[in-house]
N, C-alpha and C. Protein backbone atom coordinates (compact mmCIF):
# COMPACT_ATOMS: atom_id res chain seq x y z
N MET A 1 -82.56 67.08 146.36
CA MET A 1 -83.17 68.19 145.54
C MET A 1 -84.60 68.36 145.99
N ALA A 2 -85.03 69.66 146.12
CA ALA A 2 -86.39 69.96 146.51
C ALA A 2 -87.29 69.57 145.55
N SER A 3 -88.46 69.14 145.97
CA SER A 3 -89.67 68.86 145.13
C SER A 3 -90.67 70.10 145.45
N SER A 4 -91.04 70.66 144.49
CA SER A 4 -91.92 71.91 144.58
C SER A 4 -93.32 71.63 144.20
N ALA A 5 -94.28 72.48 144.57
CA ALA A 5 -95.49 72.47 144.10
C ALA A 5 -96.05 74.04 144.10
N LEU A 6 -96.68 74.38 142.94
CA LEU A 6 -97.29 75.72 142.91
C LEU A 6 -98.72 75.66 143.52
N LEU A 7 -98.88 76.49 144.62
CA LEU A 7 -100.18 76.63 145.12
C LEU A 7 -100.95 77.93 144.55
N VAL A 8 -102.15 77.66 144.05
CA VAL A 8 -103.08 78.62 143.48
C VAL A 8 -104.30 78.83 144.60
N MET A 9 -104.17 79.86 145.31
CA MET A 9 -105.04 79.98 146.52
C MET A 9 -106.16 81.03 146.39
N ASP A 10 -107.40 80.67 146.73
CA ASP A 10 -108.54 81.48 146.70
C ASP A 10 -108.86 82.19 145.56
N VAL A 11 -108.50 81.70 144.37
CA VAL A 11 -108.64 82.44 143.13
C VAL A 11 -110.11 81.90 142.67
N GLN A 12 -111.10 82.41 143.37
CA GLN A 12 -112.42 81.96 143.25
C GLN A 12 -113.32 83.10 142.65
N ARG A 13 -114.38 82.96 141.99
CA ARG A 13 -115.00 83.91 141.16
C ARG A 13 -115.44 85.08 141.99
N ASP A 14 -116.07 84.93 143.14
CA ASP A 14 -116.35 86.06 143.95
C ASP A 14 -115.11 86.87 144.40
N VAL A 15 -114.08 86.15 144.61
CA VAL A 15 -112.85 86.84 145.22
C VAL A 15 -112.26 87.66 144.06
N VAL A 16 -112.17 87.06 142.90
CA VAL A 16 -111.61 87.79 141.73
C VAL A 16 -112.42 89.04 141.45
N ALA A 17 -113.81 88.94 141.47
CA ALA A 17 -114.67 89.98 141.33
C ALA A 17 -114.52 91.12 142.23
N ILE A 18 -114.07 90.92 143.37
CA ILE A 18 -113.75 91.99 144.43
C ILE A 18 -112.38 92.58 144.35
N ALA A 19 -111.46 91.77 143.89
CA ALA A 19 -109.97 92.14 144.04
C ALA A 19 -109.35 92.51 142.82
N ASP A 20 -109.85 91.91 141.62
CA ASP A 20 -109.13 92.08 140.31
C ASP A 20 -109.02 93.69 139.97
N ASP A 21 -107.79 94.03 139.82
CA ASP A 21 -107.59 95.48 139.59
C ASP A 21 -107.35 95.76 138.03
N GLY A 22 -107.54 94.88 137.32
CA GLY A 22 -107.46 95.08 135.70
C GLY A 22 -106.01 95.21 135.33
N SER A 23 -105.07 94.67 136.09
CA SER A 23 -103.65 94.82 135.80
C SER A 23 -103.19 93.63 135.02
N GLY A 24 -104.03 92.59 134.75
CA GLY A 24 -103.54 91.46 134.00
C GLY A 24 -103.23 90.36 135.00
N TYR A 25 -103.68 90.39 136.12
CA TYR A 25 -103.52 89.32 137.12
C TYR A 25 -103.78 87.92 136.74
N LEU A 26 -105.03 87.62 136.12
CA LEU A 26 -105.26 86.30 135.77
C LEU A 26 -104.43 85.81 134.63
N PRO A 27 -104.14 86.56 133.60
CA PRO A 27 -103.21 86.01 132.59
C PRO A 27 -101.76 85.74 133.02
N ARG A 28 -101.24 86.41 134.08
CA ARG A 28 -99.96 86.22 134.62
C ARG A 28 -100.06 84.90 135.38
N LEU A 29 -101.03 84.81 136.21
CA LEU A 29 -101.25 83.57 137.02
C LEU A 29 -101.43 82.38 136.10
N ARG A 30 -102.07 82.58 134.98
CA ARG A 30 -102.20 81.41 134.00
C ARG A 30 -100.92 81.02 133.45
N GLY A 31 -100.14 82.02 133.22
CA GLY A 31 -98.69 81.84 132.73
C GLY A 31 -97.82 81.06 133.75
N ALA A 32 -97.89 81.37 135.02
CA ALA A 32 -97.32 80.47 136.10
C ALA A 32 -97.83 79.23 136.05
N ILE A 33 -99.16 79.02 136.01
CA ILE A 33 -99.73 77.69 135.98
C ILE A 33 -99.05 76.74 134.83
N ASP A 34 -99.30 77.37 133.68
CA ASP A 34 -98.72 76.67 132.42
C ASP A 34 -97.25 76.47 132.48
N GLY A 35 -96.38 77.30 133.09
CA GLY A 35 -95.02 77.14 133.17
C GLY A 35 -94.80 76.04 134.27
N ALA A 36 -95.52 76.02 135.32
CA ALA A 36 -95.31 74.93 136.29
C ALA A 36 -95.59 73.58 135.68
N ARG A 37 -96.63 73.55 135.01
CA ARG A 37 -97.00 72.17 134.27
C ARG A 37 -95.98 71.80 133.29
N ALA A 38 -95.36 72.75 132.65
CA ALA A 38 -94.39 72.43 131.58
C ALA A 38 -93.08 71.93 132.28
N ALA A 39 -92.77 72.37 133.44
CA ALA A 39 -91.56 72.07 134.18
C ALA A 39 -91.93 70.81 135.16
N GLY A 40 -93.01 70.36 134.94
CA GLY A 40 -93.33 69.09 135.81
C GLY A 40 -93.61 69.30 137.25
N ILE A 41 -93.96 70.72 137.47
CA ILE A 41 -94.27 70.96 138.94
C ILE A 41 -95.70 70.92 139.12
N PRO A 42 -96.11 70.09 140.09
CA PRO A 42 -97.59 69.92 140.47
C PRO A 42 -98.17 71.21 140.86
N VAL A 43 -99.46 71.51 140.24
CA VAL A 43 -100.23 72.60 140.67
C VAL A 43 -101.27 72.14 141.52
N ILE A 44 -101.47 72.71 142.71
CA ILE A 44 -102.37 72.39 143.67
C ILE A 44 -103.22 73.79 144.01
N TYR A 45 -104.59 73.45 143.87
CA TYR A 45 -105.60 74.69 144.00
C TYR A 45 -106.05 74.66 145.46
N VAL A 46 -106.11 75.66 146.03
CA VAL A 46 -106.77 75.80 147.39
C VAL A 46 -107.97 76.67 147.35
N VAL A 47 -109.03 76.18 147.85
CA VAL A 47 -110.19 77.03 147.93
C VAL A 47 -110.84 77.17 149.42
N MET A 48 -111.25 78.30 149.63
CA MET A 48 -112.11 78.44 150.92
C MET A 48 -113.48 77.95 150.70
N GLY A 49 -113.92 77.07 151.58
CA GLY A 49 -115.34 76.55 151.51
C GLY A 49 -115.88 76.37 152.88
N LEU A 50 -116.98 77.04 153.14
CA LEU A 50 -117.84 76.87 154.32
C LEU A 50 -118.98 76.14 153.98
N ARG A 51 -119.47 75.32 154.97
CA ARG A 51 -120.56 74.56 154.80
C ARG A 51 -121.93 75.60 154.96
N PRO A 52 -122.92 75.27 154.39
CA PRO A 52 -124.23 76.00 154.45
C PRO A 52 -124.54 76.00 156.04
N GLY A 53 -124.90 77.20 156.38
CA GLY A 53 -125.21 77.51 157.78
C GLY A 53 -123.95 77.91 158.56
N ASP A 54 -122.74 77.78 157.95
CA ASP A 54 -121.47 78.25 158.49
C ASP A 54 -121.06 77.62 159.94
N PRO A 55 -121.22 76.37 160.17
CA PRO A 55 -121.06 75.88 161.46
C PRO A 55 -119.51 75.91 161.91
N GLU A 56 -118.57 76.40 160.98
CA GLU A 56 -117.31 76.50 161.38
C GLU A 56 -116.92 77.80 161.73
N VAL A 57 -117.86 78.78 161.74
CA VAL A 57 -117.72 80.15 162.02
C VAL A 57 -118.02 80.58 163.35
N SER A 58 -117.20 80.96 164.24
CA SER A 58 -117.41 81.39 165.53
C SER A 58 -117.85 82.95 165.46
N PRO A 59 -118.82 83.38 166.25
CA PRO A 59 -119.16 84.83 166.39
C PRO A 59 -117.94 85.64 166.96
N ARG A 60 -117.03 85.08 167.51
CA ARG A 60 -115.85 85.70 168.13
C ARG A 60 -114.89 86.09 166.98
N ASN A 61 -114.86 85.36 165.78
CA ASN A 61 -113.89 85.63 164.83
C ASN A 61 -114.42 86.80 163.72
N LYS A 62 -113.76 87.83 163.97
CA LYS A 62 -114.30 89.10 163.25
C LYS A 62 -114.10 88.81 161.67
N VAL A 63 -113.02 88.29 161.42
CA VAL A 63 -112.71 88.10 159.83
C VAL A 63 -113.77 87.15 159.39
N MET A 64 -113.96 85.90 159.81
CA MET A 64 -114.80 85.03 159.49
C MET A 64 -116.42 85.62 159.42
N THR A 65 -116.74 86.21 160.47
CA THR A 65 -118.10 86.63 160.34
C THR A 65 -118.21 87.73 159.53
N GLY A 66 -117.30 88.45 159.08
CA GLY A 66 -117.34 89.44 157.93
C GLY A 66 -117.41 88.81 156.62
N VAL A 67 -116.64 87.67 156.49
CA VAL A 67 -116.88 86.82 155.14
C VAL A 67 -118.21 86.33 155.08
N VAL A 68 -118.87 85.79 156.14
CA VAL A 68 -120.15 85.20 156.19
C VAL A 68 -121.14 86.42 155.81
N ARG A 69 -121.04 87.58 156.46
CA ARG A 69 -122.04 88.64 156.07
C ARG A 69 -121.92 89.10 154.56
N ALA A 70 -120.74 88.88 154.20
CA ALA A 70 -120.52 89.33 152.77
C ALA A 70 -121.05 88.21 151.77
N GLY A 71 -121.46 86.93 152.28
CA GLY A 71 -122.07 86.06 151.51
C GLY A 71 -121.02 85.17 150.71
N LEU A 72 -119.67 85.31 151.20
CA LEU A 72 -118.61 84.61 150.32
C LEU A 72 -118.43 83.13 150.96
N PHE A 73 -117.90 82.28 149.91
CA PHE A 73 -117.36 81.05 150.24
C PHE A 73 -118.35 79.92 150.65
N THR A 74 -119.58 80.22 150.66
CA THR A 74 -120.39 78.91 150.93
C THR A 74 -120.38 77.82 149.87
N GLU A 75 -120.01 76.73 150.38
CA GLU A 75 -119.93 75.59 149.35
C GLU A 75 -121.25 75.31 148.46
N GLY A 76 -120.88 75.19 147.28
CA GLY A 76 -122.08 75.04 146.17
C GLY A 76 -122.55 76.18 145.51
N ARG A 77 -122.17 77.39 146.06
CA ARG A 77 -122.55 78.62 145.39
C ARG A 77 -121.47 78.83 144.26
N PRO A 78 -122.06 79.30 143.13
CA PRO A 78 -121.29 79.54 141.77
C PRO A 78 -120.08 80.42 142.14
N GLY A 79 -120.14 81.40 142.97
CA GLY A 79 -119.06 82.38 143.22
C GLY A 79 -118.00 81.77 143.90
N THR A 80 -118.07 80.52 144.47
CA THR A 80 -117.04 79.76 145.26
C THR A 80 -116.15 78.92 144.35
N GLU A 81 -116.53 78.78 143.10
CA GLU A 81 -115.85 78.01 142.07
C GLU A 81 -114.63 78.60 141.63
N ILE A 82 -113.54 77.92 141.37
CA ILE A 82 -112.33 78.56 140.85
C ILE A 82 -112.61 79.26 139.55
N HIS A 83 -111.96 80.36 139.40
CA HIS A 83 -112.16 81.35 138.22
C HIS A 83 -111.79 80.51 136.96
N ASP A 84 -112.67 80.67 136.01
CA ASP A 84 -112.51 79.86 134.76
C ASP A 84 -111.18 80.06 134.00
N ASP A 85 -110.64 81.23 134.15
CA ASP A 85 -109.36 81.62 133.50
C ASP A 85 -108.15 80.71 134.01
N VAL A 86 -108.31 80.27 135.20
CA VAL A 86 -107.28 79.56 135.82
C VAL A 86 -107.78 78.17 136.33
N ALA A 87 -108.79 77.65 135.76
CA ALA A 87 -109.49 76.39 136.39
C ALA A 87 -108.54 75.23 136.30
N PRO A 88 -108.69 74.38 137.26
CA PRO A 88 -107.89 73.02 137.26
C PRO A 88 -108.27 72.28 136.09
N ARG A 89 -107.26 71.40 135.86
CA ARG A 89 -107.44 70.30 134.78
C ARG A 89 -107.72 68.96 135.66
N GLN A 90 -108.42 68.11 134.88
CA GLN A 90 -108.63 66.82 135.48
C GLN A 90 -107.29 66.25 136.05
N GLY A 91 -107.48 65.73 137.26
CA GLY A 91 -106.30 65.15 137.94
C GLY A 91 -105.65 66.15 138.92
N ASP A 92 -105.94 67.40 138.66
CA ASP A 92 -105.31 68.45 139.61
C ASP A 92 -105.91 68.18 140.99
N VAL A 93 -105.13 68.41 142.00
CA VAL A 93 -105.66 68.38 143.38
C VAL A 93 -106.28 69.73 143.69
N VAL A 94 -107.53 69.66 144.33
CA VAL A 94 -108.16 70.83 144.88
C VAL A 94 -108.25 70.49 146.28
N VAL A 95 -107.87 71.33 147.20
CA VAL A 95 -107.87 71.31 148.64
C VAL A 95 -108.74 72.45 149.12
N THR A 96 -109.79 71.91 150.10
CA THR A 96 -110.68 72.99 150.59
C THR A 96 -110.24 73.23 152.04
N LYS A 97 -110.20 74.58 152.29
CA LYS A 97 -109.74 75.01 153.69
C LYS A 97 -110.98 75.65 154.36
N ARG A 98 -110.94 75.82 155.66
CA ARG A 98 -112.02 76.46 156.46
C ARG A 98 -111.59 77.78 157.06
N ARG A 99 -110.36 78.15 156.94
CA ARG A 99 -109.87 79.50 157.40
C ARG A 99 -108.83 80.06 156.51
N GLY A 100 -108.19 81.04 156.89
CA GLY A 100 -107.34 81.94 156.15
C GLY A 100 -106.08 81.16 155.45
N SER A 101 -105.46 80.43 156.36
CA SER A 101 -104.22 79.65 155.86
C SER A 101 -104.78 78.36 154.98
N ALA A 102 -104.00 78.15 153.93
CA ALA A 102 -104.32 76.97 153.17
C ALA A 102 -104.20 75.54 153.94
N PHE A 103 -103.49 75.65 155.04
CA PHE A 103 -103.45 74.55 155.97
C PHE A 103 -104.62 74.30 156.90
N SER A 104 -105.33 75.46 157.18
CA SER A 104 -106.39 75.43 158.33
C SER A 104 -107.60 74.76 157.82
N GLY A 105 -107.88 73.61 158.58
CA GLY A 105 -109.09 72.70 158.38
C GLY A 105 -109.02 72.08 156.94
N SER A 106 -107.83 71.82 156.45
CA SER A 106 -107.64 71.07 155.22
C SER A 106 -106.78 69.92 155.33
N ASP A 107 -106.58 69.15 154.32
CA ASP A 107 -105.55 68.07 154.22
C ASP A 107 -104.35 68.37 153.41
N LEU A 108 -104.08 69.76 153.28
CA LEU A 108 -102.92 70.09 152.50
C LEU A 108 -101.62 69.35 153.00
N ASP A 109 -101.46 69.47 154.13
CA ASP A 109 -100.17 68.82 154.65
C ASP A 109 -100.03 67.46 154.41
N LEU A 110 -101.08 66.65 154.49
CA LEU A 110 -101.04 65.29 154.03
C LEU A 110 -100.79 65.17 152.49
N VAL A 111 -101.47 65.89 151.71
CA VAL A 111 -101.17 65.88 150.28
C VAL A 111 -99.57 66.10 149.86
N LEU A 112 -99.08 67.10 150.77
CA LEU A 112 -97.62 67.46 150.49
C LEU A 112 -96.80 66.27 150.84
N ARG A 113 -97.06 65.80 151.93
CA ARG A 113 -96.30 64.72 152.52
C ARG A 113 -96.39 63.47 151.66
N ALA A 114 -97.59 63.15 151.10
CA ALA A 114 -97.85 62.01 150.30
C ALA A 114 -96.91 62.10 149.02
N ARG A 115 -96.79 63.32 148.57
CA ARG A 115 -96.18 63.53 147.21
C ARG A 115 -94.66 63.85 147.49
N GLY A 116 -94.13 63.90 148.71
CA GLY A 116 -92.73 64.30 148.85
C GLY A 116 -92.51 65.76 148.51
N ILE A 117 -93.38 66.64 148.70
CA ILE A 117 -93.26 68.10 148.37
C ILE A 117 -92.76 68.71 149.67
N ASP A 118 -91.48 69.55 149.46
CA ASP A 118 -90.94 70.07 150.60
C ASP A 118 -90.73 71.56 150.43
N SER A 119 -91.24 72.17 149.22
CA SER A 119 -91.10 73.47 148.82
C SER A 119 -92.25 73.89 148.11
N LEU A 120 -92.75 75.22 148.60
CA LEU A 120 -94.09 75.76 147.99
C LEU A 120 -93.75 76.97 147.19
N VAL A 121 -94.53 77.34 146.17
CA VAL A 121 -94.61 78.45 145.28
C VAL A 121 -96.12 79.09 145.53
N LEU A 122 -95.94 80.15 146.07
CA LEU A 122 -97.27 80.69 146.64
C LEU A 122 -97.86 81.84 145.70
N THR A 123 -99.03 81.61 145.37
CA THR A 123 -99.79 82.64 144.54
C THR A 123 -101.30 82.62 145.10
N GLY A 124 -102.01 83.77 144.81
CA GLY A 124 -103.40 83.97 145.32
C GLY A 124 -103.73 85.24 145.68
N ILE A 125 -105.11 85.30 146.14
CA ILE A 125 -105.77 86.36 146.48
C ILE A 125 -106.34 86.20 147.89
N ALA A 126 -106.04 86.78 148.84
CA ALA A 126 -105.29 88.08 148.95
C ALA A 126 -103.95 87.91 149.57
N THR A 127 -103.18 88.77 149.19
CA THR A 127 -101.62 88.79 149.69
C THR A 127 -101.72 88.85 151.21
N SER A 128 -102.59 89.73 151.83
CA SER A 128 -102.67 89.99 153.30
C SER A 128 -103.40 88.95 153.92
N ALA A 129 -104.08 88.00 153.40
CA ALA A 129 -104.80 86.92 153.94
C ALA A 129 -104.19 85.55 153.66
N VAL A 130 -104.75 84.87 152.58
CA VAL A 130 -104.35 83.53 152.44
C VAL A 130 -102.82 83.42 152.31
N VAL A 131 -102.16 84.26 151.42
CA VAL A 131 -100.77 84.14 151.20
C VAL A 131 -99.91 84.33 152.55
N LEU A 132 -100.27 85.46 153.32
CA LEU A 132 -99.59 85.64 154.32
C LEU A 132 -99.69 84.52 155.46
N SER A 133 -100.99 84.04 155.69
CA SER A 133 -101.15 83.12 156.68
C SER A 133 -100.62 81.69 156.23
N THR A 134 -100.59 81.47 154.95
CA THR A 134 -100.07 80.20 154.45
C THR A 134 -98.58 80.15 154.57
N LEU A 135 -97.95 81.42 154.28
CA LEU A 135 -96.43 81.55 154.33
C LEU A 135 -96.14 81.13 155.95
N TRP A 136 -96.70 81.86 156.78
CA TRP A 136 -96.49 81.61 158.22
C TRP A 136 -96.47 80.18 158.59
N ARG A 137 -97.57 79.56 158.20
CA ARG A 137 -97.72 78.02 158.57
C ARG A 137 -96.75 77.32 157.91
N ALA A 138 -96.36 77.50 156.67
CA ALA A 138 -95.27 76.83 155.86
C ALA A 138 -93.81 77.07 156.61
N ILE A 139 -93.66 78.22 157.11
CA ILE A 139 -92.38 78.54 157.86
C ILE A 139 -92.28 77.52 159.07
N ASP A 140 -93.41 77.36 159.77
CA ASP A 140 -93.22 76.41 160.98
C ASP A 140 -93.22 74.93 160.57
N LEU A 141 -93.62 74.53 159.25
CA LEU A 141 -93.37 73.23 158.80
C LEU A 141 -92.12 72.94 158.08
N ASP A 142 -91.15 74.06 158.16
CA ASP A 142 -89.85 73.96 157.56
C ASP A 142 -89.83 73.75 156.05
N LEU A 143 -90.89 74.35 155.35
CA LEU A 143 -90.93 74.12 153.90
C LEU A 143 -90.24 75.22 153.21
N GLY A 144 -89.56 75.00 152.02
CA GLY A 144 -89.00 76.00 151.24
C GLY A 144 -90.01 76.86 150.67
N LEU A 145 -89.78 78.07 150.58
CA LEU A 145 -90.89 79.12 150.20
C LEU A 145 -90.40 79.98 149.04
N THR A 146 -91.27 80.15 147.96
CA THR A 146 -91.14 81.16 146.86
C THR A 146 -92.40 81.86 146.77
N VAL A 147 -92.44 83.20 146.84
CA VAL A 147 -93.85 83.99 146.59
C VAL A 147 -93.61 84.56 145.29
N LEU A 148 -94.49 84.36 144.37
CA LEU A 148 -94.64 85.13 143.10
C LEU A 148 -95.48 86.44 143.19
N ALA A 149 -94.69 87.49 143.47
CA ALA A 149 -95.24 88.63 143.81
C ALA A 149 -96.45 89.15 142.96
N ASP A 150 -96.05 89.05 141.52
CA ASP A 150 -97.16 89.62 140.66
C ASP A 150 -98.25 88.39 140.29
N ALA A 151 -98.21 87.30 141.06
CA ALA A 151 -99.16 86.35 140.94
C ALA A 151 -99.98 86.23 142.22
N CYS A 152 -99.78 87.30 143.15
CA CYS A 152 -100.48 87.51 144.34
C CYS A 152 -101.37 88.91 144.22
N LEU A 153 -102.37 89.06 144.76
CA LEU A 153 -103.22 90.27 144.67
C LEU A 153 -103.87 90.51 145.89
N ASP A 154 -103.98 91.73 146.23
CA ASP A 154 -104.54 92.22 147.45
C ASP A 154 -105.52 93.36 147.19
N PRO A 155 -106.67 93.46 147.78
CA PRO A 155 -107.53 94.60 147.67
C PRO A 155 -106.76 95.86 147.91
N ASP A 156 -105.94 95.94 148.69
CA ASP A 156 -105.12 97.08 149.15
C ASP A 156 -103.74 97.02 148.53
N PRO A 157 -103.53 97.78 147.39
CA PRO A 157 -102.21 97.68 146.83
C PRO A 157 -101.08 98.12 147.68
N GLU A 158 -101.30 98.98 148.69
CA GLU A 158 -100.11 99.49 149.57
C GLU A 158 -99.75 98.34 150.41
N VAL A 159 -100.79 97.46 150.88
CA VAL A 159 -100.42 96.43 151.80
C VAL A 159 -99.77 95.39 150.93
N HIS A 160 -100.18 95.09 149.82
CA HIS A 160 -99.39 94.10 149.03
C HIS A 160 -98.07 94.51 148.76
N THR A 161 -97.87 95.61 148.55
CA THR A 161 -96.35 96.19 148.09
C THR A 161 -95.59 95.97 149.48
N MET A 162 -96.10 96.49 150.49
CA MET A 162 -95.38 96.25 151.78
C MET A 162 -95.04 94.82 152.08
N LEU A 163 -95.92 93.99 151.84
CA LEU A 163 -95.68 92.52 152.08
C LEU A 163 -94.75 91.98 151.21
N VAL A 164 -94.81 92.16 149.89
CA VAL A 164 -93.95 91.46 148.97
C VAL A 164 -92.55 92.04 148.94
N GLU A 165 -92.46 93.45 149.26
CA GLU A 165 -91.19 93.98 149.15
C GLU A 165 -90.44 94.02 150.48
N ARG A 166 -91.11 94.13 151.52
CA ARG A 166 -90.40 94.39 152.91
C ARG A 166 -90.58 93.16 153.76
N LEU A 167 -91.69 92.53 154.00
CA LEU A 167 -91.92 91.46 154.88
C LEU A 167 -91.47 90.11 154.30
N PHE A 168 -92.09 89.80 153.13
CA PHE A 168 -91.89 88.29 152.64
C PHE A 168 -90.40 87.95 152.31
N PRO A 169 -89.56 89.07 151.72
CA PRO A 169 -88.29 88.65 151.55
C PRO A 169 -87.48 88.21 152.72
N GLN A 170 -87.77 88.35 154.01
CA GLN A 170 -87.23 87.97 155.10
C GLN A 170 -87.42 86.41 155.19
N TRP A 171 -88.44 85.81 154.75
CA TRP A 171 -88.74 84.36 154.97
C TRP A 171 -88.82 83.63 153.69
N ALA A 172 -88.79 84.22 152.47
CA ALA A 172 -89.01 83.54 151.23
C ALA A 172 -88.37 84.18 150.20
N ASP A 173 -88.09 83.43 149.04
CA ASP A 173 -87.69 84.01 147.94
C ASP A 173 -88.92 84.71 147.31
N VAL A 174 -88.74 85.98 146.84
CA VAL A 174 -89.82 86.73 146.30
C VAL A 174 -89.51 86.98 144.75
N LEU A 175 -90.12 86.54 143.81
CA LEU A 175 -89.78 86.59 142.42
C LEU A 175 -91.07 87.11 141.64
N THR A 176 -90.84 87.52 140.41
CA THR A 176 -91.94 87.85 139.59
C THR A 176 -92.27 86.48 138.87
N VAL A 177 -93.35 86.46 138.20
CA VAL A 177 -93.72 85.16 137.44
C VAL A 177 -92.65 85.06 136.24
N GLU A 178 -92.29 86.01 135.50
CA GLU A 178 -91.39 85.98 134.53
C GLU A 178 -90.05 85.41 135.03
N ASP A 179 -89.52 85.84 136.13
CA ASP A 179 -88.26 85.40 136.64
C ASP A 179 -88.34 83.98 137.10
N TRP A 180 -89.45 83.59 137.87
CA TRP A 180 -89.66 82.27 138.16
C TRP A 180 -89.65 81.21 137.03
N LEU A 181 -90.40 81.60 135.98
CA LEU A 181 -90.54 80.76 134.77
C LEU A 181 -89.18 80.49 134.25
N LYS A 182 -88.27 81.52 134.20
CA LYS A 182 -86.87 81.52 133.69
C LYS A 182 -86.17 80.39 134.37
N SER A 183 -86.38 80.40 135.75
CA SER A 183 -85.66 79.47 136.65
C SER A 183 -86.09 78.08 136.60
N VAL A 184 -87.40 77.83 136.10
CA VAL A 184 -87.90 76.50 136.24
C VAL A 184 -88.07 75.94 134.76
N ALA A 185 -87.84 76.77 133.74
CA ALA A 185 -88.01 76.27 132.35
C ALA A 185 -87.16 75.14 132.13
N PRO A 186 -87.81 74.04 131.32
CA PRO A 186 -87.04 72.94 130.99
C PRO A 186 -85.85 73.19 130.07
N ARG A 187 -84.79 72.70 130.32
CA ARG A 187 -83.56 73.07 129.60
C ARG A 187 -83.22 72.02 128.51
């Protein structure tokens, strides 16, 4: 039987402030987190964190230099903290990554292997960044994958829709939070 974990990725204060579209994203995500806990599914938080001075950022990397120019993700800044509405509980694992994928520059793979986790449920901001790049790496690691379409958010709604409706279903189960909760609810 597969052992799953719910990944809550890049739901940091500054990111939410940029991407939240007023559609009730945070309460839906909170519902997924609460449902995972009720079902005994571990919740693992993933945050982007760059050291002061950004030594991990190459000037050749357009995405990362844009992030630095925007002042996002510098460790220790209040905006890099996980949003209060979905904050981790004591004992939850928080993984810090240095690039787009939850696996890039982090110990996520080690955490998953140590816990015997072979299936991931992906949530986060942005669908076209952390969710997409984590999905690709997880495919290469032969992990089972579920994407909670309405617990992912992207600043570009058209890109989000294209990914969750056309691309992701080729490689992962794509469900709503409500449907996923029904499937994992304790019986």
